[in-house]
């Protein structure tokens, strides 16, 4: 019985700690995967006119919205199978583009 009471503590102690999100890494991922359709940075000059820029997305979406969307993207987006860390990094990068 005592072992069962300790099981949640043991499970939590074995799981790796989540790494902090990295906006610079998120920018690299965005430039590689997203720039074909979205304007992902101020220095990008071309993208699909029918999709929002990352700066626009930053103004309209919460972190939760972004995480949910990147976890299960809409049909027009390729299935990138992003890891949780990559999603956190892209979200952190998009957040840097929000107007102060």
Protein backbone atom coordinates (compact mmCIF):
# COMPACT_ATOMS: atom_id res chain seq x y z
CA UNK A 1 0.00 0.00 0.00
CA UNK A 2 2.83 2.36 0.85
CA UNK A 3 4.47 1.71 -2.55
CA UNK A 4 1.24 2.68 -4.33
CA UNK A 5 1.17 5.96 -2.44
CA UNK A 6 4.70 6.74 -3.65
CA UNK A 7 4.04 5.83 -7.30
CA UNK A 8 3.02 9.36 -8.44
CA UNK A 9 6.19 10.79 -6.89
CA UNK A 10 8.34 8.20 -8.62
CA UNK A 11 6.70 8.79 -11.99
CA UNK A 12 7.07 12.57 -11.74
CA UNK A 13 10.71 12.32 -10.72
CA UNK A 14 11.58 10.15 -13.75
CA UNK A 15 10.03 12.45 -16.36
CA UNK A 16 12.46 14.92 -17.95
CA UNK A 17 11.95 18.59 -17.23
CA UNK A 18 10.50 20.58 -20.10
CA UNK A 19 13.06 22.81 -21.75
CA UNK A 20 12.39 26.52 -21.91
CA UNK A 21 11.07 27.77 -25.22
CA UNK A 22 13.65 29.28 -27.56
CA UNK A 23 12.42 32.08 -29.86
CA UNK A 24 15.63 31.95 -31.95
CA UNK A 25 15.10 28.26 -32.61
CA UNK A 26 11.45 29.01 -33.39
CA UNK A 27 12.53 31.56 -35.98
CA UNK A 28 14.81 29.00 -37.63
CA UNK A 29 11.97 26.48 -37.80
CA UNK A 30 9.59 29.14 -39.17
CA UNK A 31 12.04 30.17 -41.87
CA UNK A 32 12.48 26.54 -42.89
CA UNK A 33 8.87 25.31 -42.72
CA UNK A 34 6.57 28.34 -42.82
CA UNK A 35 8.17 31.01 -45.02
CA UNK A 36 6.96 29.44 -48.26
CA UNK A 37 3.44 30.63 -47.39
CA UNK A 38 3.72 33.09 -44.46
CA UNK A 39 5.79 36.22 -44.00
CA UNK A 40 7.66 35.09 -40.92
CA UNK A 41 10.04 38.02 -40.47
CA UNK A 42 10.43 41.68 -41.35
CA UNK A 43 13.20 40.95 -43.84
CA UNK A 44 11.08 38.52 -45.89
CA UNK A 45 9.80 40.10 -49.10
CA UNK A 46 7.50 37.44 -50.57
CA UNK A 47 4.85 35.01 -49.39
CA UNK A 48 1.36 33.84 -50.24
CA UNK A 49 -1.02 36.81 -50.17
CA UNK A 50 -3.87 34.62 -48.89
CA UNK A 51 -2.28 33.72 -45.55
CA UNK A 52 -1.62 35.94 -42.53
CA UNK A 53 1.87 37.09 -41.63
CA UNK A 54 3.35 35.91 -38.36
CA UNK A 55 3.18 39.51 -37.08
CA UNK A 56 -0.56 39.55 -37.77
CA UNK A 57 -0.98 36.16 -36.10
CA UNK A 58 0.93 37.48 -33.06
CA UNK A 59 -1.60 40.29 -32.70
CA UNK A 60 -4.67 38.05 -32.96
CA UNK A 61 -3.80 34.74 -31.31
CA UNK A 62 -2.98 33.68 -27.78
CA UNK A 63 -0.25 31.22 -26.92
CA UNK A 64 -2.94 28.60 -26.34
CA UNK A 65 -4.46 29.27 -29.77
CA UNK A 66 -1.05 28.89 -31.41
CA UNK A 67 -0.20 25.71 -29.54
CA UNK A 68 -3.54 24.12 -30.41
CA UNK A 69 -3.28 25.13 -34.04
CA UNK A 70 0.29 23.90 -34.49
CA UNK A 71 -0.54 20.63 -32.75
CA UNK A 72 -3.38 19.93 -35.21
CA UNK A 73 -2.94 22.20 -38.27
CA UNK A 74 -5.69 22.87 -40.79
CA UNK A 75 -5.83 20.86 -44.04
CA UNK A 76 -4.10 23.50 -46.19
CA UNK A 77 -0.97 23.27 -44.04
CA UNK A 78 1.46 20.38 -44.44
CA UNK A 79 1.60 17.91 -41.59
CA UNK A 80 4.95 18.90 -40.13
CA UNK A 81 4.65 16.61 -37.09
CA UNK A 82 6.24 19.20 -34.84
CA UNK A 83 7.43 18.17 -31.40
CA UNK A 84 6.09 19.94 -28.32
CA UNK A 85 9.41 21.72 -27.99
CA UNK A 86 9.28 22.93 -31.61
CA UNK A 87 5.71 24.17 -31.09
CA UNK A 88 6.80 26.02 -27.95
CA UNK A 89 9.74 27.53 -29.83
CA UNK A 90 7.60 28.71 -32.77
CA UNK A 91 5.00 30.13 -30.38
CA UNK A 92 7.75 31.99 -28.48
CA UNK A 93 9.08 33.39 -31.76
CA UNK A 94 5.64 34.52 -32.92
CA UNK A 95 5.12 36.17 -29.54
CA UNK A 96 8.26 38.30 -30.16
CA UNK A 97 6.52 39.79 -33.20
CA UNK A 98 3.56 41.16 -31.24
CA UNK A 99 3.42 44.92 -31.09
CA UNK A 100 4.61 46.29 -27.72
